[in-house]
Amino acid sequence: MWFTTIGGFIRWLFNRCKTKLTDEIDGLGKGTILKTRQTENWLIGILFSAIMIAIIVLVNIVKENNK
């Protein structure tokens, strides 16, 4: 659930906020690459979360090495 919400929000931002946020989060409509928007939102959410975790880990490693 969290990944689809994050993915819907990121998709809404990529659409320059021209669509309804609730439609993007709920995954209403046909997907552009995959069959459903729900699946696309889930995948976008997973990728975004993994990138954010990697950035946080890298920042902490650099911070520890600079002490």
N, C-alpha and C. Protein backbone atom coordinates (compact mmCIF):
# COMPACT_ATOMS: atom_id res chain seq x y z
N MET A 1 0.82 -1.20 0.00
CA MET A 1 0.00 0.00 0.00
C MET A 1 0.86 1.25 0.00
N TRP A 2 1.89 1.27 0.83
CA TRP A 2 2.73 2.47 0.90
C TRP A 2 3.46 2.71 -0.42
N PHE A 3 3.90 1.62 -1.05
CA PHE A 3 4.64 1.78 -2.30
C PHE A 3 3.75 2.32 -3.41
N THR A 4 2.50 1.88 -3.46
CA THR A 4 1.60 2.40 -4.48
C THR A 4 1.27 3.86 -4.24
N THR A 5 1.17 4.26 -2.98
CA THR A 5 0.91 5.67 -2.65
C THR A 5 2.09 6.54 -3.05
N ILE A 6 3.30 6.09 -2.71
CA ILE A 6 4.50 6.83 -3.09
C ILE A 6 4.62 6.91 -4.61
N GLY A 7 4.39 5.78 -5.28
CA GLY A 7 4.47 5.75 -6.74
C GLY A 7 3.45 6.65 -7.39
N GLY A 8 2.23 6.68 -6.86
CA GLY A 8 1.20 7.57 -7.39
C GLY A 8 1.56 9.03 -7.22
N PHE A 9 2.16 9.35 -6.08
CA PHE A 9 2.58 10.73 -5.83
C PHE A 9 3.70 11.13 -6.78
N ILE A 10 4.68 10.25 -6.99
CA ILE A 10 5.78 10.54 -7.90
C ILE A 10 5.25 10.69 -9.33
N ARG A 11 4.31 9.81 -9.73
CA ARG A 11 3.72 9.91 -11.07
C ARG A 11 2.97 11.23 -11.22
N TRP A 12 2.27 11.65 -10.18
CA TRP A 12 1.54 12.92 -10.20
C TRP A 12 2.51 14.09 -10.38
N LEU A 13 3.66 14.03 -9.70
CA LEU A 13 4.67 15.08 -9.86
C LEU A 13 5.25 15.08 -11.27
N PHE A 14 5.48 13.90 -11.84
CA PHE A 14 6.00 13.82 -13.21
C PHE A 14 5.00 14.36 -14.22
N ASN A 15 3.71 14.27 -13.91
CA ASN A 15 2.68 14.83 -14.79
C ASN A 15 2.48 16.31 -14.55
N ARG A 16 3.34 16.92 -13.78
CA ARG A 16 3.32 18.35 -13.45
C ARG A 16 2.03 18.76 -12.77
N CYS A 17 1.50 17.86 -11.95
CA CYS A 17 0.31 18.11 -11.12
C CYS A 17 -0.93 18.45 -11.95
N LYS A 18 -0.97 18.01 -13.21
CA LYS A 18 -2.11 18.32 -14.07
C LYS A 18 -3.26 17.33 -13.90
N THR A 19 -2.97 16.15 -13.36
CA THR A 19 -4.00 15.15 -13.14
C THR A 19 -4.46 15.21 -11.69
N LYS A 20 -5.50 14.47 -11.38
CA LYS A 20 -5.97 14.42 -9.99
C LYS A 20 -5.07 13.49 -9.19
N LEU A 21 -4.65 13.96 -8.03
CA LEU A 21 -3.77 13.16 -7.18
C LEU A 21 -4.46 11.87 -6.75
N THR A 22 -5.75 11.93 -6.44
CA THR A 22 -6.45 10.73 -6.00
C THR A 22 -6.53 9.69 -7.11
N ASP A 23 -6.67 10.13 -8.36
CA ASP A 23 -6.69 9.19 -9.48
C ASP A 23 -5.34 8.50 -9.64
N GLU A 24 -4.28 9.24 -9.45
CA GLU A 24 -2.94 8.67 -9.58
C GLU A 24 -2.66 7.69 -8.44
N ILE A 25 -3.02 8.05 -7.23
CA ILE A 25 -2.77 7.17 -6.08
C ILE A 25 -3.62 5.91 -6.15
N ASP A 26 -4.88 6.06 -6.56
CA ASP A 26 -5.76 4.90 -6.65
C ASP A 26 -5.45 4.03 -7.87
N GLY A 27 -4.66 4.53 -8.80
CA GLY A 27 -4.29 3.76 -9.98
C GLY A 27 -5.41 3.62 -10.98
N LEU A 28 -6.26 4.63 -11.05
CA LEU A 28 -7.37 4.58 -12.00
C LEU A 28 -6.87 4.83 -13.41
N GLY A 29 -7.37 4.06 -14.35
CA GLY A 29 -6.98 4.22 -15.74
C GLY A 29 -6.02 3.14 -16.18
N LYS A 30 -5.72 3.16 -17.45
CA LYS A 30 -4.83 2.18 -18.05
C LYS A 30 -3.38 2.59 -17.87
N GLY A 31 -2.52 1.64 -17.65
CA GLY A 31 -1.11 1.92 -17.50
C GLY A 31 -0.45 2.27 -18.81
N THR A 32 0.67 2.95 -18.76
CA THR A 32 1.36 3.34 -19.97
C THR A 32 2.33 2.26 -20.44
N ILE A 33 2.99 1.59 -19.53
CA ILE A 33 3.96 0.55 -19.90
C ILE A 33 3.43 -0.83 -19.51
N LEU A 34 3.03 -0.97 -18.26
CA LEU A 34 2.49 -2.23 -17.78
C LEU A 34 0.97 -2.23 -17.94
N LYS A 35 0.31 -3.31 -17.54
CA LYS A 35 -1.13 -3.42 -17.76
C LYS A 35 -1.94 -2.43 -16.92
N THR A 36 -1.55 -2.24 -15.66
CA THR A 36 -2.34 -1.37 -14.79
C THR A 36 -1.47 -0.28 -14.17
N ARG A 37 -2.10 0.81 -13.84
CA ARG A 37 -1.38 1.89 -13.16
C ARG A 37 -0.98 1.47 -11.74
N GLN A 38 -1.80 0.61 -11.13
CA GLN A 38 -1.51 0.15 -9.77
C GLN A 38 -0.14 -0.54 -9.75
N THR A 39 0.10 -1.39 -10.74
CA THR A 39 1.39 -2.09 -10.82
C THR A 39 2.52 -1.11 -11.10
N GLU A 40 2.28 -0.16 -11.97
CA GLU A 40 3.30 0.84 -12.26
C GLU A 40 3.60 1.69 -11.03
N ASN A 41 2.57 2.10 -10.30
CA ASN A 41 2.79 2.87 -9.09
C ASN A 41 3.57 2.08 -8.06
N TRP A 42 3.28 0.78 -7.94
CA TRP A 42 3.99 -0.06 -7.00
C TRP A 42 5.47 -0.14 -7.38
N LEU A 43 5.75 -0.32 -8.67
CA LEU A 43 7.13 -0.41 -9.13
C LEU A 43 7.87 0.91 -8.94
N ILE A 44 7.22 2.01 -9.24
CA ILE A 44 7.82 3.33 -9.04
C ILE A 44 8.10 3.56 -7.56
N GLY A 45 7.17 3.17 -6.71
CA GLY A 45 7.36 3.32 -5.26
C GLY A 45 8.52 2.50 -4.74
N ILE A 46 8.66 1.26 -5.22
CA ILE A 46 9.78 0.40 -4.81
C ILE A 46 11.10 1.03 -5.24
N LEU A 47 11.19 1.46 -6.50
CA LEU A 47 12.43 2.06 -7.01
C LEU A 47 12.79 3.34 -6.26
N PHE A 48 11.80 4.19 -6.04
CA PHE A 48 12.05 5.45 -5.34
C PHE A 48 12.52 5.18 -3.91
N SER A 49 11.90 4.23 -3.23
CA SER A 49 12.29 3.89 -1.86
C SER A 49 13.70 3.33 -1.81
N ALA A 50 14.04 2.47 -2.76
CA ALA A 50 15.39 1.90 -2.81
C ALA A 50 16.43 2.98 -3.05
N ILE A 51 16.14 3.92 -3.94
CA ILE A 51 17.08 5.01 -4.21
C ILE A 51 17.25 5.89 -2.98
N MET A 52 16.16 6.21 -2.29
CA MET A 52 16.25 7.05 -1.09
C MET A 52 17.06 6.35 0.01
N ILE A 53 16.84 5.06 0.20
CA ILE A 53 17.61 4.31 1.20
C ILE A 53 19.08 4.30 0.84
N ALA A 54 19.40 4.09 -0.44
CA ALA A 54 20.79 4.10 -0.88
C ALA A 54 21.45 5.45 -0.65
N ILE A 55 20.73 6.52 -0.91
CA ILE A 55 21.28 7.87 -0.68
C ILE A 55 21.55 8.09 0.81
N ILE A 56 20.63 7.68 1.65
CA ILE A 56 20.81 7.85 3.10
C ILE A 56 22.01 7.05 3.59
N VAL A 57 22.15 5.83 3.11
CA VAL A 57 23.29 5.00 3.51
C VAL A 57 24.60 5.61 3.03
N LEU A 58 24.64 6.07 1.80
CA LEU A 58 25.86 6.68 1.27
C LEU A 58 26.24 7.96 2.01
N VAL A 59 25.25 8.77 2.34
CA VAL A 59 25.53 10.00 3.09
C VAL A 59 26.11 9.65 4.46
N ASN A 60 25.57 8.64 5.12
CA ASN A 60 26.08 8.24 6.42
C ASN A 60 27.49 7.67 6.33
N ILE A 61 27.78 6.93 5.26
CA ILE A 61 29.15 6.40 5.08
C ILE A 61 30.13 7.53 4.87
N VAL A 62 29.79 8.48 4.03
CA VAL A 62 30.68 9.62 3.78
C VAL A 62 30.85 10.43 5.06
N LYS A 63 29.79 10.61 5.81
CA LYS A 63 29.84 11.36 7.06
C LYS A 63 30.78 10.69 8.07
N GLU A 64 30.72 9.36 8.16
CA GLU A 64 31.57 8.63 9.09
C GLU A 64 33.03 8.69 8.67
N ASN A 65 33.31 8.66 7.37
CA ASN A 65 34.68 8.71 6.89
C ASN A 65 35.31 10.08 7.04
N ASN A 66 34.54 11.12 7.16
CA ASN A 66 35.07 12.47 7.28
C ASN A 66 35.31 12.90 8.72
N LYS A 67 35.02 12.03 9.67
CA LYS A 67 35.24 12.40 11.09
C LYS A 67 36.69 12.43 11.45
